[in-house]
Amino acid sequence: MGRPVLEHDAPVDAPPRDQVVDRLTVLLTRMLRPDAPVTERTQLMDELGLSSSLGLELLLALEDELEIQIDVEELDEDRMATLGDLADYITANSTPR
């Protein structure tokens, strides 16, 4: 018997957070062509102007690249204020396809 799964644990087979950060950085840079480098502290809406439609496009592209399914039911602006916040959410709320 394994240890109990806690709510804050990443799902089994979720992509590593570093991989999520790397792919988000590449996708955001490709989609939005920002003037400054994209980092974990980059404010997605305030600095990059990420709209809800572009956010959806970003999540769909990430799902395809990492072959995951992201549960967006709990996702709101607070959980995606920065790239790091979004990476945390995706790591905790995704499953392999």
Foldseek 3Di string as FASTA:
>chain_A
DDDDDDLLDFDPPQDDLVVLLVLLQVVLCVPQVAPDRADQADFCCPRRVQDPVNVVVSVVVSCVVVQKDFDCPPPDNVQPRGSNSVSSRRRRGIGHD
